[in-house]
N, C-alpha and C. Protein backbone atom coordinates (compact mmCIF):
# COMPACT_ATOMS: atom_id res chain seq x y z
N MET A 1 65.31 84.18 129.20
CA MET A 1 66.22 83.75 127.63
C MET A 1 67.31 85.04 128.99
N GLU A 2 68.19 85.19 128.64
CA GLU A 2 69.60 86.14 128.90
C GLU A 2 69.87 87.11 127.56
N SER A 3 69.82 88.51 128.18
CA SER A 3 70.22 89.59 126.95
C SER A 3 71.94 89.09 127.44
N LEU A 4 72.53 89.74 126.49
CA LEU A 4 73.76 89.88 126.13
C LEU A 4 74.15 91.66 126.93
N ALA A 5 74.51 91.62 127.89
CA ALA A 5 74.81 92.85 128.51
C ALA A 5 75.65 94.07 127.18
N PHE A 6 75.33 94.93 127.35
CA PHE A 6 75.11 96.10 126.47
C PHE A 6 77.11 97.06 127.06
N LYS A 7 77.47 97.19 126.20
CA LYS A 7 78.49 97.63 125.93
C LYS A 7 78.53 98.64 125.76
N ARG A 8 78.97 99.32 126.07
CA ARG A 8 78.83 100.90 125.92
C ARG A 8 80.92 101.75 125.22
N PRO A 9 80.75 101.95 123.72
CA PRO A 9 82.03 102.00 123.86
C PRO A 9 82.68 103.21 123.80
N SER A 10 84.02 102.81 124.34
CA SER A 10 84.98 104.49 124.49
C SER A 10 85.41 105.19 123.51
N TRP A 11 85.82 106.16 124.43
CA TRP A 11 85.01 107.13 123.46
C TRP A 11 86.25 107.67 122.06
N ASP A 12 87.32 106.32 121.93
CA ASP A 12 87.82 106.30 120.45
C ASP A 12 87.20 105.89 119.93
N GLU A 13 86.52 104.77 120.14
CA GLU A 13 85.64 103.33 119.64
C GLU A 13 84.02 104.27 119.10
N TYR A 14 83.89 105.34 119.86
CA TYR A 14 82.47 106.27 119.35
C TYR A 14 83.41 106.70 117.94
N PHE A 15 84.79 107.17 118.09
CA PHE A 15 84.71 108.30 117.33
C PHE A 15 85.60 108.05 115.93
N MET A 16 86.06 106.41 115.74
CA MET A 16 86.12 105.19 115.30
C MET A 16 85.54 104.52 113.91
N GLU A 17 84.05 104.38 115.13
CA GLU A 17 82.55 104.08 114.86
C GLU A 17 82.59 104.94 113.54
N ILE A 18 82.59 106.72 114.05
CA ILE A 18 82.02 107.71 113.41
C ILE A 18 83.02 107.88 111.74
N ALA A 19 84.16 107.54 112.60
CA ALA A 19 85.21 108.35 111.07
C ALA A 19 84.74 106.34 109.54
N ARG A 20 84.38 105.78 109.82
CA ARG A 20 84.13 104.23 109.89
C ARG A 20 82.44 105.13 108.59
N ALA A 21 81.46 105.26 109.45
CA ALA A 21 80.27 106.04 108.83
C ALA A 21 80.59 107.34 107.71
N VAL A 22 81.60 108.18 108.00
CA VAL A 22 82.07 108.76 107.13
C VAL A 22 82.95 108.54 106.10
N ALA A 23 83.38 107.15 106.20
CA ALA A 23 83.82 106.93 104.77
C ALA A 23 83.03 106.09 103.88
N LYS A 24 82.00 105.72 104.39
CA LYS A 24 80.76 105.58 102.98
C LYS A 24 80.86 106.62 101.84
N ARG A 25 80.99 107.99 102.26
CA ARG A 25 81.11 108.69 100.60
C ARG A 25 81.94 108.75 100.66
N ALA A 26 83.59 108.43 100.53
CA ALA A 26 84.55 108.23 100.14
C ALA A 26 83.98 108.14 98.27
N THR A 27 85.33 108.29 97.42
CA THR A 27 84.99 108.02 96.05
C THR A 27 85.90 107.61 95.28
N CYS A 28 86.65 106.77 96.18
CA CYS A 28 88.42 105.81 95.56
C CYS A 28 88.43 104.00 96.18
N ASP A 29 88.03 103.51 95.92
CA ASP A 29 87.83 102.26 96.46
C ASP A 29 88.86 101.56 96.32
N ARG A 30 89.94 102.75 96.53
CA ARG A 30 91.42 101.25 97.20
C ARG A 30 91.13 101.90 98.45
N GLY A 31 90.65 102.94 99.36
CA GLY A 31 90.90 103.96 100.82
C GLY A 31 89.93 103.40 101.36
N ARG A 32 88.98 104.33 100.68
CA ARG A 32 87.10 104.36 101.33
C ARG A 32 88.04 104.55 102.45
N SER A 33 88.78 105.82 102.69
CA SER A 33 88.75 106.09 104.26
C SER A 33 88.20 107.53 104.87
N GLY A 34 87.52 107.95 105.81
CA GLY A 34 87.03 108.60 106.71
C GLY A 34 87.92 109.04 107.84
N CYS A 35 87.79 111.06 108.32
CA CYS A 35 88.37 110.94 109.49
C CYS A 35 87.83 111.64 109.86
N VAL A 36 87.19 112.15 111.42
CA VAL A 36 87.04 112.44 112.61
C VAL A 36 88.48 113.18 113.44
N ILE A 37 88.08 114.80 113.29
CA ILE A 37 88.82 115.19 114.11
C ILE A 37 88.33 115.80 116.23
N ALA A 38 88.62 115.31 116.64
CA ALA A 38 87.37 115.57 118.04
C ALA A 38 88.52 116.31 118.94
N LYS A 39 87.61 116.79 119.95
CA LYS A 39 87.83 117.75 120.64
C LYS A 39 87.17 117.92 122.34
N ASN A 40 87.69 117.20 122.94
CA ASN A 40 86.85 117.58 124.43
C ASN A 40 85.85 116.66 124.24
N LYS A 41 86.23 115.62 123.89
CA LYS A 41 84.73 115.07 123.37
C LYS A 41 83.65 115.35 122.77
N GLN A 42 83.85 116.67 121.42
CA GLN A 42 83.16 116.58 121.06
C GLN A 42 83.75 116.58 119.28
N ILE A 43 83.08 115.78 118.61
CA ILE A 43 83.60 115.70 116.86
C ILE A 43 83.35 117.46 116.27
N LEU A 44 84.58 117.65 116.22
CA LEU A 44 84.78 119.24 114.94
C LEU A 44 84.71 119.60 114.21
N VAL A 45 85.28 118.68 113.00
CA VAL A 45 84.84 118.89 111.34
C VAL A 45 85.43 116.67 111.01
N THR A 46 84.25 116.43 109.96
CA THR A 46 85.19 114.90 109.60
C THR A 46 85.49 115.09 107.63
N GLY A 47 85.79 114.08 107.25
CA GLY A 47 85.94 114.16 105.72
C GLY A 47 86.62 113.03 105.34
N TYR A 48 86.48 112.84 104.15
CA TYR A 48 86.57 111.71 103.30
C TYR A 48 87.66 111.40 102.36
N VAL A 49 88.29 110.08 101.59
CA VAL A 49 88.63 110.47 100.54
C VAL A 49 87.58 111.03 99.35
N GLY A 50 88.19 111.50 99.02
CA GLY A 50 87.42 112.07 97.42
C GLY A 50 88.17 113.22 96.69
N SER A 51 88.06 113.56 95.49
CA SER A 51 88.68 114.23 94.71
C SER A 51 88.03 115.30 94.74
N PRO A 52 88.63 116.98 94.36
CA PRO A 52 87.93 118.13 94.72
C PRO A 52 87.26 118.70 94.06
N LYS A 53 86.49 119.30 94.57
CA LYS A 53 85.35 119.66 94.10
C LYS A 53 85.04 120.40 92.43
N GLY A 54 84.02 119.51 92.01
CA GLY A 54 84.19 119.51 90.37
C GLY A 54 85.00 119.26 89.45
N LEU A 55 85.86 117.90 90.28
CA LEU A 55 86.80 117.06 88.86
C LEU A 55 86.17 115.94 89.33
N PRO A 56 86.56 115.30 88.51
CA PRO A 56 86.05 113.69 88.28
C PRO A 56 86.01 112.56 90.03
N HIS A 57 85.06 111.70 89.68
CA HIS A 57 86.05 110.43 91.19
C HIS A 57 86.10 109.79 90.17
N CYS A 58 87.24 109.12 90.89
CA CYS A 58 88.06 107.37 91.08
C CYS A 58 86.33 106.46 90.29
N ASP A 59 85.57 106.51 91.53
CA ASP A 59 84.39 105.51 90.82
C ASP A 59 83.80 105.93 89.53
N ASP A 60 83.79 107.32 89.24
CA ASP A 60 83.44 107.50 87.81
C ASP A 60 84.28 107.35 86.79
N VAL A 61 85.00 107.53 86.66
CA VAL A 61 86.54 107.49 85.49
C VAL A 61 87.52 106.78 85.99
N GLY A 62 88.05 106.09 87.02
CA GLY A 62 89.03 105.00 87.23
C GLY A 62 90.46 106.10 87.53
N HIS A 63 91.07 105.06 88.01
CA HIS A 63 92.14 105.82 88.80
C HIS A 63 93.35 106.81 88.57
N GLN A 64 93.93 107.68 89.00
CA GLN A 64 95.13 108.33 87.81
C GLN A 64 96.07 107.58 89.18
N MET A 65 96.98 106.43 89.03
CA MET A 65 97.64 105.85 89.74
C MET A 65 99.41 106.48 88.94
N LYS A 66 100.19 105.97 90.05
CA LYS A 66 101.81 106.80 90.20
C LYS A 66 102.35 106.43 90.94
N THR A 67 103.74 105.70 90.39
CA THR A 67 104.51 105.19 91.11
C THR A 67 105.68 105.82 91.94
N THR A 68 105.48 105.29 93.30
CA THR A 68 106.97 106.75 93.95
C THR A 68 108.09 105.24 94.14
N THR A 69 109.37 105.92 93.51
CA THR A 69 110.71 105.13 93.60
C THR A 69 110.93 105.83 95.16
N HIS A 70 111.22 104.32 95.71
CA HIS A 70 112.04 105.13 97.60
C HIS A 70 113.26 105.10 96.86
N GLU A 71 114.42 105.50 98.55
CA GLU A 71 115.31 105.90 98.40
C GLU A 71 116.50 104.37 98.29
N ASP A 72 115.55 102.91 99.07
CA ASP A 72 116.01 101.85 99.25
C ASP A 72 115.42 101.03 97.28
N GLY A 73 114.60 101.61 96.63
CA GLY A 73 114.39 100.94 95.10
C GLY A 73 113.24 99.98 95.13
N ARG A 74 112.71 100.22 96.13
CA ARG A 74 111.93 99.13 96.26
C ARG A 74 110.41 100.77 95.55
N GLN A 75 109.40 100.72 95.40
CA GLN A 75 107.98 100.67 94.68
C GLN A 75 107.00 101.01 95.02
N THR A 76 105.95 101.82 95.14
CA THR A 76 104.84 101.82 95.74
C THR A 76 103.72 102.85 94.93
N GLN A 77 102.48 102.74 94.52
CA GLN A 77 101.24 102.65 93.62
C GLN A 77 100.62 103.35 94.85
N HIS A 78 100.66 104.72 93.96
CA HIS A 78 99.13 105.66 94.94
C HIS A 78 98.35 106.49 93.61
N CYS A 79 97.43 106.09 94.44
CA CYS A 79 96.01 106.83 93.32
C CYS A 79 96.47 108.10 93.91
N VAL A 80 96.91 109.40 92.71
CA VAL A 80 96.67 110.72 93.21
C VAL A 80 95.35 111.74 93.10
N ARG A 81 94.83 111.06 91.85
CA ARG A 81 93.63 112.01 91.89
C ARG A 81 92.24 112.33 92.72
N THR A 82 92.64 112.27 94.13
CA THR A 82 91.25 112.34 94.87
C THR A 82 92.65 112.89 96.23
N THR A 83 91.98 113.54 97.31
CA THR A 83 92.19 114.18 98.35
C THR A 83 92.28 113.48 99.91
N HIS A 84 93.02 113.35 100.48
CA HIS A 84 93.03 111.75 101.88
C HIS A 84 92.20 112.58 102.40
N ALA A 85 91.74 111.40 103.77
CA ALA A 85 90.07 112.05 104.13
C ALA A 85 91.36 112.88 104.85
N GLU A 86 92.12 112.81 105.91
CA GLU A 86 93.01 113.31 106.33
C GLU A 86 92.93 114.87 105.95
N GLN A 87 93.30 114.83 105.27
CA GLN A 87 93.99 116.32 103.95
C GLN A 87 92.26 116.60 103.89
N ASN A 88 90.93 116.62 103.92
CA ASN A 88 90.03 116.85 103.43
C ASN A 88 89.31 117.41 105.31
N ALA A 89 89.89 116.73 106.03
CA ALA A 89 88.95 117.34 107.71
C ALA A 89 89.61 118.25 107.84
N ILE A 90 91.02 118.73 107.78
CA ILE A 90 91.99 119.53 107.93
C ILE A 90 91.27 121.16 107.25
N VAL A 91 91.30 120.89 105.46
CA VAL A 91 90.58 121.88 105.10
C VAL A 91 89.00 122.47 105.79
N GLN A 92 88.57 120.72 105.46
CA GLN A 92 87.11 121.70 106.04
C GLN A 92 87.16 122.49 107.23
N ALA A 93 88.40 122.33 108.08
CA ALA A 93 88.22 123.29 109.70
C ALA A 93 89.25 124.54 109.15
N ALA A 94 90.00 124.49 108.14
CA ALA A 94 90.63 125.87 107.85
C ALA A 94 89.36 126.52 107.29
N LYS A 95 87.86 125.83 106.17
CA LYS A 95 87.49 126.87 105.82
C LYS A 95 86.17 127.82 106.38
N LEU A 96 86.57 126.19 107.80
CA LEU A 96 84.94 127.00 108.99
C LEU A 96 85.63 127.71 109.81
N GLY A 97 86.42 127.70 109.84
CA GLY A 97 87.42 128.48 111.33
C GLY A 97 86.91 127.93 112.20
N VAL A 98 87.15 127.28 112.42
CA VAL A 98 88.02 125.47 113.54
C VAL A 98 88.61 125.20 113.76
N PRO A 99 89.40 125.61 114.69
CA PRO A 99 90.44 125.44 115.39
C PRO A 99 90.52 123.95 115.86
N ILE A 100 90.90 123.53 115.47
CA ILE A 100 91.84 121.96 115.89
C ILE A 100 93.38 121.73 116.61
N ASP A 101 93.97 123.09 116.55
CA ASP A 101 95.08 123.12 117.78
C ASP A 101 94.81 121.68 119.32
N GLU A 102 95.20 121.02 119.26
CA GLU A 102 95.56 120.10 120.53
C GLU A 102 94.10 118.86 120.09
N SER A 103 94.01 118.79 119.26
CA SER A 103 93.12 118.07 118.82
C SER A 103 93.46 116.45 118.79
N THR A 104 92.54 115.82 118.13
CA THR A 104 93.09 114.27 117.98
C THR A 104 91.98 113.90 116.87
N LEU A 105 93.09 113.72 115.55
CA LEU A 105 92.08 112.93 114.68
C LEU A 105 92.61 110.87 114.69
N TYR A 106 92.03 110.67 114.13
CA TYR A 106 90.27 109.11 113.90
C TYR A 106 90.57 109.39 112.12
N CYS A 107 91.19 107.96 112.21
CA CYS A 107 91.89 107.64 110.64
C CYS A 107 91.68 106.27 110.49
N LYS A 108 91.88 105.62 109.50
CA LYS A 108 91.60 104.93 109.01
C LYS A 108 93.26 104.24 108.75
N MET A 109 93.51 104.41 108.89
CA MET A 109 95.50 103.79 108.61
C MET A 109 96.11 104.73 109.03
N THR A 110 97.91 104.59 108.92
CA THR A 110 98.58 105.21 109.77
C THR A 110 99.26 106.47 108.61
N PRO A 111 98.81 107.74 108.74
CA PRO A 111 99.01 109.14 107.24
C PRO A 111 99.82 108.74 106.77
N CYS A 112 99.63 109.16 105.24
CA CYS A 112 101.29 109.30 104.69
C CYS A 112 102.09 110.27 105.43
N PRO A 113 103.19 110.01 104.37
CA PRO A 113 104.03 111.72 105.43
C PRO A 113 103.19 113.45 104.76
N VAL A 114 102.78 113.23 104.23
CA VAL A 114 102.03 114.94 103.69
C VAL A 114 101.22 114.93 104.61
N CYS A 115 100.14 114.17 104.98
CA CYS A 115 98.74 114.60 105.98
C CYS A 115 99.86 114.44 106.99
N ALA A 116 101.13 113.70 107.51
CA ALA A 116 100.91 113.43 108.67
C ALA A 116 102.20 115.11 108.74
N LYS A 117 102.86 115.84 107.82
CA LYS A 117 102.97 117.10 108.45
C LYS A 117 102.21 118.06 108.39
N MET A 118 100.93 118.04 107.93
CA MET A 118 99.63 119.07 108.21
C MET A 118 98.85 118.78 109.51
N MET A 119 99.40 117.57 110.07
CA MET A 119 98.80 117.50 111.31
C MET A 119 99.31 117.67 112.14
N ILE A 120 101.10 117.76 112.35
CA ILE A 120 102.14 119.12 112.88
C ILE A 120 100.99 120.27 113.17
N ASN A 121 101.47 120.48 111.87
CA ASN A 121 101.20 122.38 111.23
C ASN A 121 100.18 122.79 112.05
N ALA A 122 98.81 122.02 112.09
CA ALA A 122 97.73 121.82 112.41
C ALA A 122 97.32 121.93 113.64
N GLY A 123 98.65 121.71 114.36
CA GLY A 123 98.66 121.06 116.33
C GLY A 123 97.86 119.67 116.95
N ILE A 124 97.38 119.10 116.04
CA ILE A 124 96.96 117.73 116.09
C ILE A 124 97.99 117.47 117.16
N THR A 125 97.16 117.13 118.93
CA THR A 125 98.51 116.29 119.20
C THR A 125 98.38 114.88 119.48
N ARG A 126 97.26 114.26 119.12
CA ARG A 126 96.74 111.79 119.36
C ARG A 126 97.03 112.07 117.60
N VAL A 127 96.88 110.45 117.07
CA VAL A 127 96.47 110.44 116.07
C VAL A 127 95.71 108.94 116.73
N VAL A 128 94.85 108.46 116.00
CA VAL A 128 94.17 107.43 116.70
C VAL A 128 94.06 106.66 115.05
N CYS A 129 94.43 105.60 114.98
CA CYS A 129 94.18 105.02 113.51
C CYS A 129 94.18 103.35 113.91
N GLU A 130 92.59 103.13 112.84
CA GLU A 130 92.05 101.55 113.20
C GLU A 130 93.40 100.57 113.06
N LYS A 131 94.10 101.47 111.20
CA LYS A 131 95.54 100.10 111.25
C LYS A 131 96.85 100.32 111.06
N ARG A 132 97.50 99.70 110.61
CA ARG A 132 98.75 100.27 110.37
C ARG A 132 99.25 100.46 108.26
N TYR A 133 99.47 101.67 107.75
CA TYR A 133 99.69 101.75 106.55
C TYR A 133 100.96 101.29 106.50
N HIS A 134 101.93 99.77 105.35
CA HIS A 134 101.95 99.50 104.64
C HIS A 134 103.52 100.73 105.05
N ALA A 135 102.79 101.59 104.46
CA ALA A 135 104.17 102.45 104.02
C ALA A 135 104.21 103.93 104.85
N GLY A 136 104.23 103.71 106.32
CA GLY A 136 103.84 104.57 107.53
C GLY A 136 104.71 104.75 108.73
N SER A 137 106.20 104.05 107.86
CA SER A 137 107.30 104.78 108.84
C SER A 137 107.91 105.96 109.09
N GLU A 138 107.90 106.89 107.93
CA GLU A 138 108.71 108.08 107.60
C GLU A 138 107.14 108.87 108.63
N SER A 139 106.05 108.27 108.88
CA SER A 139 104.87 109.45 109.58
C SER A 139 104.86 108.43 110.95
N GLU A 140 105.23 107.60 111.41
CA GLU A 140 105.59 107.25 112.87
C GLU A 140 106.74 107.99 113.32
N ASP A 141 108.02 108.22 112.63
CA ASP A 141 108.67 108.89 113.20
C ASP A 141 108.74 109.75 112.96
N MET A 142 108.14 111.32 112.32
CA MET A 142 107.79 112.71 112.47
C MET A 142 107.23 112.36 113.46
N PHE A 143 106.09 111.69 113.75
CA PHE A 143 105.70 112.21 115.02
C PHE A 143 106.00 111.78 116.28
N ARG A 144 107.24 110.93 115.98
CA ARG A 144 107.76 110.46 117.12
C ARG A 144 108.56 111.47 118.08
N GLN A 145 109.00 111.81 116.62
CA GLN A 145 109.86 112.99 117.05
C GLN A 145 109.83 114.65 117.35
N ILE A 146 107.50 114.71 117.40
CA ILE A 146 107.50 115.69 117.77
C ILE A 146 106.59 115.80 118.42
N GLY A 147 106.56 114.38 119.26
CA GLY A 147 105.78 114.49 120.35
C GLY A 147 104.05 113.71 119.97
N ILE A 148 103.93 113.64 119.18
CA ILE A 148 102.56 113.25 118.71
C ILE A 148 102.00 111.99 119.66
N GLU A 149 100.80 111.61 120.27
CA GLU A 149 100.67 110.81 120.61
C GLU A 149 99.80 109.43 119.42
N LEU A 150 100.68 108.42 119.28
CA LEU A 150 99.67 107.61 117.35
C LEU A 150 99.52 106.37 118.80
N ASP A 151 98.03 105.86 118.34
CA ASP A 151 97.38 105.01 118.70
C ASP A 151 97.30 103.89 117.63
N TYR A 152 97.62 102.85 117.58
CA TYR A 152 96.92 101.72 116.71
C TYR A 152 95.42 101.28 117.22
N PHE A 153 94.32 100.66 117.06
CA PHE A 153 92.93 99.52 117.24
C PHE A 153 93.68 98.14 116.80
N ASP A 154 94.54 98.14 115.88
CA ASP A 154 94.43 96.83 115.49
C ASP A 154 96.27 97.19 114.73
N GLU A 155 97.14 96.47 115.00
CA GLU A 155 98.84 96.52 114.86
C GLU A 155 98.71 96.12 113.48
N SER A 156 97.89 94.96 112.73
CA SER A 156 97.91 95.07 111.47
C SER A 156 97.75 95.85 110.04
N ILE A 157 98.75 95.74 109.18
CA ILE A 157 98.85 96.50 108.38
C ILE A 157 97.11 96.47 107.09
N GLU A 158 97.03 97.12 107.15
CA GLU A 158 95.94 96.87 105.76
C GLU A 158 95.85 97.13 104.81
N ASN A 159 95.05 95.97 103.95
CA ASN A 159 95.42 95.70 102.90
C ASN A 159 94.54 96.27 102.16
N TYR A 160 95.71 96.27 100.53
CA TYR A 160 94.20 96.87 99.13
C TYR A 160 94.68 96.52 98.23
N ALA A 161 94.17 96.62 97.00
CA ALA A 161 95.28 96.78 95.62
C ALA A 161 95.54 97.18 95.20
N ASN A 162 96.92 96.30 94.74
CA ASN A 162 97.91 97.78 93.51
C ASN A 162 99.15 98.28 94.75
N GLN A 163 99.29 97.42 96.19
CA GLN A 163 99.91 98.34 96.94
C GLN A 163 101.00 98.23 97.09
């Protein structure tokens, strides 16, 4: 009986799989996102979607939904109870004094514009996403302008409830 050959994951696959494991701690079922920031093949920090310390979690009390109306008239729904995984990872680095300049950030989908701005100011030079975010074009444009490399494992759009 022949065994299947073991395929060692690439560094991107390795860090993305860790981001998926980190996401299991998330406390908002709309995203269940995790994030890993790595540099020189080493994990610096992680983060997951969750409410600020001491405040209630979506999983316990429900979502805090807000509607955003865009310039073109379309509306999107966003839960604002939680802090995004990318934000939590960047804040964790600041809290611990871990420099993340010139690092790579791994996340579930194209970062939102607020997260993208934080990544730019934090000095992130590469972002690797599992999938695309339905409203990710603004972040993609910012990254393109700044020169941040943006890679996707899968070009499809992440789907979730109340998009």
